[in-house]
Amino acid sequence: MPAKPSTVSTGIAGLDAVLMGGLPRNRLYVVEGESGTGKTTLGLQFLLSGNRAGEKGLFLALSETREELHAVAASHGWSLDGITLGEIPSTGELAPEEDNTLFHPAEVELGEATKSLFQEVERVQPERVVLDSLSEFRLLSEGGLRYRRQILALKQFFAGRRCTVLLLNDIASEAADAHLHSIVHGILALEQLAPFYGAERRRIRVIKLRGARFYGGFHDMKIETGGVVVYPRLVAPEHPAVASGEQISSGIPALDRLTGGGLERGTTTLILGPAGTGKSAIASQYATASAQRGERVALFTFDEETPTLLGRSEGLGIPLARHLQAGLIQVKHVDPAEMSPGEFVHIVREAVQEQKARIVVIDSLNGYVHAMPEEHALSNQLGELFSYLRQRGVVVILTMAQHGVLGPLESPLDVSYLADSVLLLRHFEAQGSIRKVISVLKKRGLHETTLRELAMDAEGLHVGEPLEQFRGILTGVPIYEGTGNNLRREKDESIP
C-alpha cells in the first residue's frame, strides 16, 4: 500500500491553501472562536473529508445532541453516514434512562467523563476525531492546573493512536487559554465581526502550526449552504510574472494618441473625476474594444446593476450587451454590504485564472471602499491585488468618483500611486454649456500632456483636438485666449 500523505485535508480548499496543503497528520489541534463562528461546521467538514478518503471519523459531542448534529448536516445537504457520533455512556449521577449523545459535564465527575471518552475512542479506532467542546472540560476542572493536566492526558492518549484530533473551544469573552495553547500542535482562530451596516463578516487566522509553514494573517471566510468557505489572503509574489509590452487600443484613435498609443498589458489605469464626467463610459469603451478583438473581459460594478449598465452603454452606442451574450464580457454586480473584500479578491482571481480574462474593470473604487470595514488596510490589499494582476499580464481599469463638480475636488482614497496611469476627467463651463475634458495626469511611458474635449452621444464617445485656446480648464471656468476654438457641436461642427 502507498504511504499516506504527511498532511490531512481539512475538507475546505481555501483553508488547505492557507495551511499549504493541510494539517500535519496525527497531531492535536484547537479550533477556537465565539459561538456562531463556524467551529462545528468546520469540524464536520473535516470528518466528511476523511470519510471520502476512507478514514474513520468520530464526533464526540459534549454540548450537542445527535439530532442537533444531524440538523446542522442537513442544512448543508450532508449525510453523516459513515461518521460515528460518539455516545458518552451514563455514569452514576446520570439517570439510567438517559441514552443520547448529549454529555452534560456539569452532572458527572471530570475523571469519569474523560474515561468514557477514551473508551469510545478505543471502541471506534478512528483516524480523525472532533471533540466539541473543551469548554465543558474547563468548567469541570475548576482550576488551571487540573485543566492543563486533563489536556495533557488527552494529548498523551491520542499520541499513540495515529489519530488527527480537532478540539473545538468556545472562548466567548475570555482571554486566550495559555494552558491549552502551549500544549497543542496548532491553533485555528475563528472570528465574527459585526459592521455598522450589512451582513456579518467572518475571518480565520492560523495562530500556531508547529513544524509547518502557513500563510499568516487574517483570511476572510463565510458560512454558506455547503459549509465553510475560506478565501486565502492574496500574496502577489507567490505568482509568476508574465512579461508583455503590448498596448491595447480603446477603439478611439484620439484617445489612443492621448495615452501614447494605448494602455500596456500588465498595467493599472485609474479613471478619476466627479460624477457625470464619463468614467464608466470610458471603462465600458475599453471593455468593448477588447471584446471585439476576441479577448475576455471581467467587469465588476459596485454602483450600477447590470441592466442599468447595459442600457446606458447601448444608449451611447457601446455594444456591451452583444459581447455579454457572446460570453466575451462577464459582468458581476457586487453588493458591498454582502461581500467581504477577501471574497471579492477571490472572484477576481477566478475570472483571471479560470475564465482567462485579459481585462479587469472595477467600477468603482468608491464601492470597494465601502466594502472594507477596516479602511486603513485597503491600500495594502489593493496593492497586492494590482501586483498579482500585473504579474498575470492583465490590464486593470479602475474608476473613482471625486466629491464636487467644479473647482477643487476630493477623493475618498488616494490610490493614484498604485496606478501606472491616471486619466483625469473634469467638467468645465464654456459658451453657456457644461462640457467635459479628458487628460492624462500620469503614465509610466510617453503620452500627451494636452487637454482634449470629451463628448458622448448615441453614436459613441468622441475625443476632440487639444484645447490650445483655453487656460484654466481644470478650474471649471476657463479663460479663452485665442481667435478661434475647436469646441465640439452636437454634429461635430466647430464653433467659430
Protein backbone atom coordinates (compact mmCIF):
# COMPACT_ATOMS: atom_id res chain seq x y z
CA MET A 1 0.00 0.00 0.00
CA PRO A 2 1.21 3.51 -0.78
CA ALA A 3 2.19 5.59 2.22
CA LYS A 4 -0.36 8.11 3.41
CA PRO A 5 0.48 11.78 2.85
CA SER A 6 2.05 13.63 5.77
CA THR A 7 -0.86 16.07 5.87
CA VAL A 8 -4.62 15.65 6.03
CA SER A 9 -7.11 17.80 4.17
CA THR A 10 -9.49 19.90 6.22
CA GLY A 11 -12.16 19.46 3.56
CA ILE A 12 -12.03 23.22 2.87
CA ALA A 13 -9.95 24.05 -0.22
CA GLY A 14 -9.22 27.63 0.83
CA LEU A 15 -8.13 26.56 4.31
CA ASP A 16 -5.86 23.86 2.88
CA ALA A 17 -4.27 26.59 0.74
CA VAL A 18 -3.69 28.73 3.84
CA LEU A 19 -2.12 25.68 5.54
CA MET A 20 -0.03 25.00 2.41
CA GLY A 21 -1.54 21.56 1.90
CA GLY A 22 -3.40 20.71 5.10
CA LEU A 23 -2.82 19.83 8.74
CA PRO A 24 0.18 17.67 9.71
CA ARG A 25 -1.16 14.19 10.39
CA ASN A 26 -1.61 12.58 13.83
CA ARG A 27 -1.48 15.77 15.86
CA LEU A 28 -3.74 17.65 18.29
CA TYR A 29 -5.28 20.97 17.16
CA VAL A 30 -7.56 23.58 18.66
CA VAL A 31 -10.25 25.36 16.66
CA GLU A 32 -11.41 28.26 18.80
CA GLY A 33 -13.87 31.08 18.49
CA GLU A 34 -17.03 32.56 19.87
CA SER A 35 -20.42 30.93 19.40
CA GLY A 36 -21.60 31.16 15.78
CA THR A 37 -18.18 31.43 14.13
CA GLY A 38 -18.49 28.03 12.38
CA LYS A 39 -16.46 25.66 14.57
CA THR A 40 -18.94 22.76 14.49
CA THR A 41 -19.46 23.14 10.73
CA LEU A 42 -15.71 23.14 10.16
CA GLY A 43 -15.35 20.05 12.35
CA LEU A 44 -18.00 18.16 10.39
CA GLN A 45 -16.33 19.10 7.10
CA PHE A 46 -13.05 17.77 8.47
CA LEU A 47 -14.66 14.40 9.24
CA LEU A 48 -16.54 14.24 5.93
CA SER A 49 -13.28 14.87 4.07
CA GLY A 50 -11.70 11.96 5.93
CA ASN A 51 -14.73 9.77 5.18
CA ARG A 52 -14.27 10.42 1.46
CA ALA A 53 -10.61 9.42 1.82
CA GLY A 54 -11.56 6.16 3.56
CA GLU A 55 -10.60 7.30 7.06
CA LYS A 56 -12.79 6.57 10.08
CA GLY A 57 -14.22 9.64 11.77
CA LEU A 58 -15.57 10.16 15.29
CA PHE A 59 -17.50 13.22 16.50
CA LEU A 60 -17.62 13.39 20.32
CA ALA A 61 -20.41 15.79 21.23
CA LEU A 62 -20.28 17.05 24.78
CA SER A 63 -22.58 20.01 24.22
CA GLU A 64 -24.86 19.00 21.31
CA THR A 65 -27.29 16.16 20.77
CA ARG A 66 -27.25 13.69 17.90
CA GLU A 67 -30.39 15.34 16.49
CA GLU A 68 -28.75 18.76 16.54
CA LEU A 69 -25.71 17.49 14.65
CA HIS A 70 -27.89 15.83 12.01
CA ALA A 71 -29.82 19.11 11.67
CA VAL A 72 -26.57 21.03 11.08
CA ALA A 73 -25.52 18.49 8.45
CA ALA A 74 -28.93 18.57 6.75
CA SER A 75 -28.80 22.37 6.49
CA HIS A 76 -25.72 21.93 4.28
CA GLY A 77 -27.06 18.97 2.33
CA TRP A 78 -24.72 16.49 4.03
CA SER A 79 -25.24 12.94 5.23
CA LEU A 80 -23.33 11.81 8.30
CA ASP A 81 -23.46 8.16 7.26
CA GLY A 82 -20.03 6.65 7.84
CA ILE A 83 -19.21 9.03 10.71
CA THR A 84 -19.63 7.84 14.27
CA LEU A 85 -21.38 10.26 16.61
CA GLY A 86 -19.90 9.36 19.96
CA GLU A 87 -22.27 8.42 22.75
CA ILE A 88 -20.94 9.01 26.22
CA PRO A 89 -22.33 6.24 28.48
CA SER A 90 -24.34 7.12 31.55
CA THR A 91 -22.46 7.45 34.83
CA GLY A 92 -23.57 7.19 38.38
CA GLU A 93 -25.08 10.64 38.57
CA LEU A 94 -26.99 10.35 35.30
CA ALA A 95 -30.45 8.86 35.20
CA PRO A 96 -30.43 5.25 33.90
CA GLU A 97 -32.85 6.10 31.12
CA GLU A 98 -30.56 8.75 29.64
CA ASP A 99 -29.41 7.49 26.21
CA ASN A 100 -28.33 10.25 23.79
CA THR A 101 -25.21 11.98 22.50
CA LEU A 102 -25.55 14.94 24.82
CA PHE A 103 -22.88 14.67 27.51
CA HIS A 104 -23.60 17.15 30.29
CA PRO A 105 -20.27 17.52 32.10
CA ALA A 106 -21.79 19.55 34.95
CA GLU A 107 -23.53 16.37 36.20
CA VAL A 108 -20.58 13.99 36.34
CA GLU A 109 -17.05 13.92 37.63
CA LEU A 110 -14.34 15.02 35.21
CA GLY A 111 -12.46 11.75 35.61
CA GLU A 112 -15.49 9.66 34.68
CA ALA A 113 -16.14 11.85 31.65
CA THR A 114 -12.56 11.51 30.42
CA LYS A 115 -12.65 7.74 30.96
CA SER A 116 -15.87 7.41 28.94
CA LEU A 117 -14.35 9.49 26.13
CA PHE A 118 -11.27 7.26 26.00
CA GLN A 119 -13.43 4.15 25.89
CA GLU A 120 -15.38 5.50 22.92
CA VAL A 121 -12.17 6.18 21.01
CA GLU A 122 -10.88 2.69 21.80
CA ARG A 123 -14.13 1.18 20.55
CA VAL A 124 -14.26 3.06 17.22
CA GLN A 125 -10.49 3.23 16.47
CA PRO A 126 -10.88 6.43 14.38
CA GLU A 127 -8.25 8.21 12.31
CA ARG A 128 -9.96 11.59 12.73
CA VAL A 129 -11.65 12.88 15.87
CA VAL A 130 -13.56 16.09 16.62
CA LEU A 131 -14.27 16.91 20.28
CA ASP A 132 -16.98 19.51 20.84
CA SER A 133 -16.25 21.24 23.14
CA LEU A 134 -13.41 21.92 25.57
CA SER A 135 -15.47 24.48 27.46
CA GLU A 136 -17.18 21.57 29.24
CA PHE A 137 -13.81 20.27 30.47
CA ARG A 138 -12.83 23.74 31.60
CA LEU A 139 -15.98 24.14 33.67
CA LEU A 140 -15.44 20.79 35.42
CA SER A 141 -11.76 21.38 36.05
CA GLU A 142 -12.40 24.36 38.37
CA GLY A 143 -8.78 25.39 38.10
CA GLY A 144 -5.98 25.95 35.62
CA LEU A 145 -3.70 23.20 36.91
CA ARG A 146 -6.32 20.45 36.73
CA TYR A 147 -7.47 21.67 33.31
CA ARG A 148 -3.92 21.55 31.98
CA ARG A 149 -3.49 18.01 33.32
CA GLN A 150 -6.66 16.91 31.53
CA ILE A 151 -5.47 18.38 28.22
CA LEU A 152 -2.10 16.67 28.69
CA ALA A 153 -3.93 13.42 29.34
CA LEU A 154 -5.86 13.87 26.08
CA LYS A 155 -2.65 14.58 24.17
CA GLN A 156 -0.83 11.55 25.62
CA PHE A 157 -3.80 9.30 24.95
CA PHE A 158 -4.07 10.27 21.28
CA ALA A 159 -0.30 10.35 20.72
CA GLY A 160 -0.03 6.60 20.29
CA ARG A 161 -3.17 6.11 18.25
CA ARG A 162 -2.26 7.58 14.83
CA CYS A 163 -5.16 9.99 15.09
CA THR A 164 -5.65 13.63 13.97
CA VAL A 165 -7.78 15.49 16.50
CA LEU A 166 -9.64 18.81 16.42
CA LEU A 167 -10.59 20.21 19.82
CA LEU A 168 -13.34 22.81 19.45
CA ASN A 169 -13.07 25.54 22.04
CA ASP A 170 -15.64 28.23 22.87
CA ILE A 171 -13.64 31.23 24.03
CA ALA A 172 -16.60 33.65 24.49
CA SER A 173 -15.17 36.83 26.01
CA GLU A 174 -12.40 35.04 27.91
CA ALA A 175 -8.75 35.71 27.35
CA ALA A 176 -6.71 33.26 25.31
CA ASP A 177 -6.19 29.97 27.12
CA ALA A 178 -2.43 29.86 27.69
CA HIS A 179 -2.56 26.35 29.19
CA LEU A 180 -4.23 24.95 26.09
CA HIS A 181 -2.16 26.91 23.56
CA SER A 182 1.15 25.69 24.93
CA ILE A 183 0.19 22.01 24.68
CA VAL A 184 -1.48 21.58 21.28
CA HIS A 185 0.29 21.31 17.93
CA GLY A 186 -1.71 24.03 16.16
CA ILE A 187 -4.38 26.68 16.73
CA LEU A 188 -7.01 27.96 14.29
CA ALA A 189 -8.86 31.07 15.49
CA LEU A 190 -12.28 31.96 14.01
CA GLU A 191 -13.78 35.42 14.39
CA GLN A 192 -17.08 37.08 13.57
CA LEU A 193 -17.28 40.84 13.00
CA ALA A 194 -20.43 42.95 13.03
CA PRO A 195 -20.13 46.02 10.77
CA PHE A 196 -22.39 49.00 11.29
CA TYR A 197 -24.30 48.02 8.14
CA GLY A 198 -24.61 44.80 6.17
CA ALA A 199 -24.08 41.14 6.90
CA GLU A 200 -21.65 39.86 9.50
CA ARG A 201 -18.08 39.24 8.39
CA ARG A 202 -16.12 36.15 9.37
CA ARG A 203 -12.42 35.51 9.20
CA ILE A 204 -9.89 32.86 10.21
CA ARG A 205 -6.29 33.03 11.36
CA VAL A 206 -3.68 30.35 11.95
CA ILE A 207 -2.10 31.33 15.24
CA LYS A 208 0.25 28.39 15.53
CA LEU A 209 1.33 25.35 13.50
CA ARG A 210 4.43 23.61 14.77
CA GLY A 211 6.97 22.49 12.21
CA ALA A 212 4.95 23.62 9.18
CA ARG A 213 4.69 26.71 7.01
CA PHE A 214 1.42 28.57 6.53
CA TYR A 215 0.09 31.91 5.33
CA GLY A 216 -0.23 34.16 8.34
CA GLY A 217 -2.67 36.96 8.97
CA PHE A 218 -6.43 37.06 8.66
CA HIS A 219 -8.25 35.34 5.81
CA ASP A 220 -11.89 36.12 5.04
CA MET A 221 -14.37 33.27 5.31
CA LYS A 222 -18.10 32.71 5.15
CA ILE A 223 -20.63 30.03 6.02
CA GLU A 224 -22.96 29.18 3.15
CA THR A 225 -25.06 26.20 2.16
CA GLY A 226 -22.42 23.54 1.65
CA GLY A 227 -20.19 24.56 4.56
CA VAL A 228 -17.39 26.92 5.45
CA VAL A 229 -15.60 28.70 2.59
CA VAL A 230 -12.20 30.34 3.18
CA TYR A 231 -10.71 32.99 0.89
CA PRO A 232 -6.92 32.96 1.34
CA ARG A 233 -5.24 36.32 1.59
CA LEU A 234 -3.59 37.17 -1.72
CA VAL A 235 0.22 37.09 -1.68
CA ALA A 236 1.30 38.51 -5.03
CA PRO A 237 4.96 37.34 -5.01
CA GLU A 238 3.71 33.73 -4.99
CA HIS A 239 2.52 34.12 -8.59
CA PRO A 240 4.98 34.22 -11.53
CA ALA A 241 5.20 37.34 -13.66
CA VAL A 242 4.22 37.41 -17.34
CA ALA A 243 6.32 39.86 -19.36
CA SER A 244 4.47 41.89 -22.00
CA GLY A 245 4.92 45.32 -23.53
CA GLU A 246 1.93 45.09 -25.86
CA GLN A 247 -0.50 48.02 -25.94
CA ILE A 248 -4.27 47.73 -26.24
CA SER A 249 -6.44 50.19 -28.13
CA SER A 250 -9.58 51.89 -26.86
CA GLY A 251 -11.07 51.88 -30.35
CA ILE A 252 -10.93 55.71 -30.36
CA PRO A 253 -7.82 56.96 -32.23
CA ALA A 254 -7.72 60.35 -30.45
CA LEU A 255 -7.87 58.67 -27.02
CA ASP A 256 -5.08 56.30 -28.02
CA ARG A 257 -2.94 59.27 -29.09
CA LEU A 258 -3.62 60.91 -25.74
CA THR A 259 -2.40 57.80 -23.88
CA GLY A 260 0.71 57.43 -26.02
CA GLY A 261 -0.60 54.64 -28.23
CA GLY A 262 -2.80 52.75 -25.77
CA LEU A 263 -2.69 51.03 -22.40
CA GLU A 264 0.09 48.49 -21.81
CA ARG A 265 -0.69 44.97 -20.69
CA GLY A 266 0.16 44.31 -17.09
CA THR A 267 -0.63 47.88 -16.03
CA THR A 268 -3.29 49.55 -13.90
CA THR A 269 -5.17 52.62 -15.10
CA LEU A 270 -7.25 54.84 -12.80
CA ILE A 271 -10.01 56.95 -14.36
CA LEU A 272 -10.60 59.81 -11.94
CA GLY A 273 -13.24 62.52 -11.95
CA PRO A 274 -16.51 63.80 -10.48
CA ALA A 275 -19.90 62.26 -11.19
CA GLY A 276 -21.16 62.56 -14.74
CA THR A 277 -17.83 63.04 -16.49
CA GLY A 278 -17.90 59.69 -18.34
CA LYS A 279 -15.67 57.43 -16.23
CA SER A 280 -17.86 54.34 -16.59
CA ALA A 281 -18.42 55.06 -20.28
CA ILE A 282 -14.67 55.12 -20.97
CA ALA A 283 -14.19 51.90 -18.99
CA SER A 284 -17.01 50.27 -20.99
CA GLN A 285 -15.40 51.51 -24.20
CA TYR A 286 -12.12 49.79 -23.37
CA ALA A 287 -14.01 46.62 -22.39
CA THR A 288 -15.94 46.54 -25.66
CA ALA A 289 -12.87 47.25 -27.78
CA SER A 290 -11.07 44.35 -26.10
CA ALA A 291 -14.03 42.01 -26.65
CA GLN A 292 -14.09 42.97 -30.32
CA ARG A 293 -10.50 41.68 -30.51
CA GLY A 294 -11.71 38.36 -29.07
CA GLU A 295 -10.35 38.91 -25.56
CA ARG A 296 -12.27 38.05 -22.41
CA VAL A 297 -13.21 40.86 -20.05
CA ALA A 298 -14.35 40.76 -16.41
CA LEU A 299 -16.34 43.84 -15.38
CA PHE A 300 -17.21 44.31 -11.70
CA THR A 301 -19.72 47.00 -10.82
CA PHE A 302 -20.42 48.32 -7.34
CA ASP A 303 -22.67 51.26 -8.21
CA GLU A 304 -24.84 50.06 -11.10
CA GLU A 305 -26.98 46.99 -11.58
CA THR A 306 -26.25 45.05 -14.76
CA PRO A 307 -29.45 46.12 -16.64
CA THR A 308 -28.67 49.79 -15.91
CA LEU A 309 -25.10 49.40 -17.14
CA LEU A 310 -26.19 47.66 -20.33
CA GLY A 311 -28.94 50.20 -21.05
CA ARG A 312 -26.62 53.16 -20.55
CA SER A 313 -23.93 51.60 -22.73
CA GLU A 314 -26.38 50.87 -25.54
CA GLY A 315 -27.60 54.46 -25.36
CA LEU A 316 -24.02 55.59 -26.02
CA GLY A 317 -23.54 53.24 -28.95
CA ILE A 318 -21.32 50.86 -26.94
CA PRO A 319 -22.48 47.28 -27.73
CA LEU A 320 -21.71 45.82 -24.31
CA ALA A 321 -24.79 43.57 -24.30
CA ARG A 322 -23.78 41.84 -27.53
CA HIS A 323 -20.42 40.79 -26.15
CA LEU A 324 -22.04 39.79 -22.87
CA GLN A 325 -24.32 37.38 -24.73
CA ALA A 326 -21.32 36.06 -26.67
CA GLY A 327 -19.56 35.28 -23.39
CA LEU A 328 -16.59 37.55 -24.02
CA ILE A 329 -17.63 40.03 -21.32
CA GLN A 330 -18.59 38.87 -17.85
CA VAL A 331 -20.46 41.43 -15.72
CA LYS A 332 -20.68 40.87 -11.97
CA HIS A 333 -22.59 43.26 -9.70
CA VAL A 334 -21.02 43.39 -6.25
CA ASP A 335 -23.07 44.28 -3.19
CA PRO A 336 -20.52 45.72 -0.73
CA ALA A 337 -22.88 45.07 2.18
CA GLU A 338 -22.90 41.32 1.48
CA MET A 339 -19.44 40.53 0.09
CA SER A 340 -16.19 40.75 2.02
CA PRO A 341 -13.03 42.14 0.40
CA GLY A 342 -11.42 38.69 0.55
CA GLU A 343 -14.30 37.16 -1.37
CA PHE A 344 -14.09 39.92 -3.96
CA VAL A 345 -10.37 39.26 -4.49
CA HIS A 346 -11.26 35.58 -4.88
CA ILE A 347 -13.79 36.16 -7.67
CA VAL A 348 -11.33 38.45 -9.47
CA ARG A 349 -8.70 35.71 -9.32
CA GLU A 350 -11.23 33.17 -10.61
CA ALA A 351 -12.07 35.44 -13.56
CA VAL A 352 -8.38 35.66 -14.47
CA GLN A 353 -7.34 32.06 -13.80
CA GLU A 354 -10.44 30.15 -14.88
CA GLN A 355 -12.26 32.44 -17.32
CA LYS A 356 -8.92 33.72 -18.76
CA ALA A 357 -9.92 37.39 -18.53
CA ARG A 358 -7.30 39.71 -20.04
CA ILE A 359 -9.04 42.92 -18.96
CA VAL A 360 -10.43 43.56 -15.47
CA VAL A 361 -12.65 46.61 -14.87
CA ILE A 362 -13.61 47.71 -11.34
CA ASP A 363 -16.36 50.34 -11.37
CA SER A 364 -15.93 51.92 -8.92
CA LEU A 365 -13.37 52.02 -6.12
CA ASN A 366 -15.83 54.09 -4.07
CA GLY A 367 -17.95 50.96 -3.67
CA TYR A 368 -14.86 48.93 -2.81
CA VAL A 369 -14.06 51.40 -0.02
CA HIS A 370 -17.50 50.80 1.48
CA ALA A 371 -16.84 47.05 1.42
CA MET A 372 -13.88 47.47 3.77
CA PRO A 373 -14.72 47.59 7.47
CA GLU A 374 -11.06 48.48 8.15
CA GLU A 375 -10.23 51.19 5.64
CA HIS A 376 -6.66 51.56 6.86
CA ALA A 377 -5.88 48.17 5.25
CA LEU A 378 -7.47 48.99 1.88
CA SER A 379 -4.36 50.38 0.17
CA ASN A 380 -2.32 47.32 1.14
CA GLN A 381 -4.98 44.94 -0.12
CA LEU A 382 -5.39 46.83 -3.39
CA GLY A 383 -1.62 46.88 -3.83
CA GLU A 384 -1.47 43.08 -3.54
CA LEU A 385 -4.38 42.64 -5.98
CA PHE A 386 -2.92 45.02 -8.57
CA SER A 387 0.53 43.46 -8.23
CA TYR A 388 -0.96 40.00 -8.82
CA LEU A 389 -2.91 41.16 -11.89
CA ARG A 390 0.15 42.97 -13.21
CA GLN A 391 2.21 39.80 -12.96
CA ARG A 392 -0.51 37.94 -14.89
CA GLY A 393 -0.31 40.47 -17.74
CA VAL A 394 -3.85 41.74 -17.11
CA VAL A 395 -4.95 45.27 -17.98
CA VAL A 396 -6.74 46.72 -14.96
CA ILE A 397 -9.09 49.69 -15.35
CA LEU A 398 -10.45 51.38 -12.24
CA THR A 399 -12.86 54.24 -11.81
CA MET A 400 -13.13 56.54 -8.82
CA ALA A 401 -15.60 59.35 -8.28
CA GLN A 402 -14.36 62.56 -6.67
CA HIS A 403 -16.53 64.74 -4.45
CA GLY A 404 -17.63 68.01 -6.03
CA VAL A 405 -18.30 69.30 -9.54
CA LEU A 406 -16.14 72.37 -10.24
CA GLY A 407 -13.06 73.75 -8.53
CA PRO A 408 -11.02 71.73 -6.00
CA LEU A 409 -12.21 68.12 -5.75
CA GLU A 410 -11.60 65.49 -3.08
CA SER A 411 -11.07 61.73 -3.44
CA PRO A 412 -12.29 59.25 -0.80
CA LEU A 413 -8.98 57.42 -1.02
CA ASP A 414 -5.59 58.21 -2.52
CA VAL A 415 -4.67 55.24 -4.69
CA SER A 416 -3.13 57.17 -7.58
CA TYR A 417 0.34 55.98 -6.51
CA LEU A 418 -0.82 52.38 -7.07
CA ALA A 419 -1.86 53.09 -10.66
CA ASP A 420 0.53 53.11 -13.61
CA SER A 421 -1.69 55.58 -15.47
CA VAL A 422 -4.23 58.15 -14.34
CA LEU A 423 -6.86 59.57 -16.72
CA LEU A 424 -8.30 62.79 -15.32
CA LEU A 425 -11.83 63.90 -16.25
CA ARG A 426 -13.33 67.28 -15.44
CA HIS A 427 -16.40 69.40 -16.11
CA PHE A 428 -15.88 72.88 -17.46
CA GLU A 429 -18.20 75.69 -18.48
CA ALA A 430 -17.86 77.34 -21.88
CA GLN A 431 -20.25 79.30 -24.07
CA GLY A 432 -23.26 78.63 -21.91
CA SER A 433 -22.93 74.83 -21.56
CA ILE A 434 -21.33 72.23 -19.32
CA ARG A 435 -18.63 70.31 -21.15
CA LYS A 436 -16.19 67.55 -20.32
CA VAL A 437 -12.44 67.37 -20.70
CA ILE A 438 -10.02 64.44 -20.54
CA SER A 439 -6.29 64.41 -19.95
CA VAL A 440 -3.55 62.02 -18.85
CA LEU A 441 -2.33 63.09 -15.45
CA LYS A 442 0.20 60.28 -15.16
CA LYS A 443 1.52 57.43 -17.29
CA ARG A 444 4.65 55.35 -17.00
CA GLY A 445 5.72 55.96 -20.56
CA LEU A 446 5.34 58.63 -23.22
CA HIS A 447 1.95 60.30 -23.52
CA GLU A 448 0.32 63.58 -24.46
CA THR A 449 0.08 66.32 -21.88
CA THR A 450 -2.75 68.11 -23.66
CA LEU A 451 -6.38 68.58 -22.63
CA ARG A 452 -8.97 67.24 -25.05
CA GLU A 453 -12.74 67.66 -25.01
CA LEU A 454 -14.78 64.52 -24.36
CA ALA A 455 -18.29 64.27 -25.75
CA MET A 456 -20.85 61.46 -25.69
CA ASP A 457 -23.91 60.85 -27.84
CA ALA A 458 -25.86 57.96 -29.36
CA GLU A 459 -23.02 57.35 -31.81
CA GLY A 460 -20.45 56.77 -29.08
CA LEU A 461 -17.62 58.63 -27.39
CA HIS A 462 -15.80 61.47 -29.14
CA VAL A 463 -12.41 62.84 -28.15
CA GLY A 464 -11.63 66.19 -29.75
CA GLU A 465 -8.45 68.03 -30.64
CA PRO A 466 -6.24 69.63 -27.94
CA LEU A 467 -7.89 72.71 -26.40
CA GLU A 468 -4.98 75.06 -27.01
CA GLN A 469 -7.01 78.29 -26.94
CA PHE A 470 -8.07 77.98 -23.29
CA ARG A 471 -6.40 78.48 -19.92
CA GLY A 472 -7.75 77.31 -16.57
CA ILE A 473 -9.93 74.47 -17.89
CA LEU A 474 -9.28 72.30 -14.85
CA THR A 475 -10.64 75.02 -12.56
CA GLY A 476 -14.01 74.57 -14.26
CA VAL A 477 -14.20 78.17 -15.56
CA PRO A 478 -11.62 78.51 -18.36
CA ILE A 479 -10.34 81.74 -19.89
CA TYR A 480 -10.39 81.95 -23.68
CA GLU A 481 -7.10 83.27 -25.14
CA GLY A 482 -7.42 82.78 -28.88
CA THR A 483 -9.15 83.89 -32.04
CA GLY A 484 -10.97 80.63 -32.64
CA ASN A 485 -11.61 77.36 -30.85
CA ASN A 486 -12.40 73.77 -31.61
CA LEU A 487 -15.15 73.10 -29.10
CA ARG A 488 -17.48 70.44 -30.39
CA ARG A 489 -21.07 70.95 -31.51
CA GLU A 490 -23.62 68.14 -31.42
CA LYS A 491 -22.99 67.36 -35.10
CA ASP A 492 -19.23 67.60 -34.74
CA GLU A 493 -19.10 71.14 -36.12
CA SER A 494 -16.55 73.66 -34.87
CA ILE A 495 -17.77 76.70 -33.01
CA PRO A 496 -16.26 79.78 -34.69
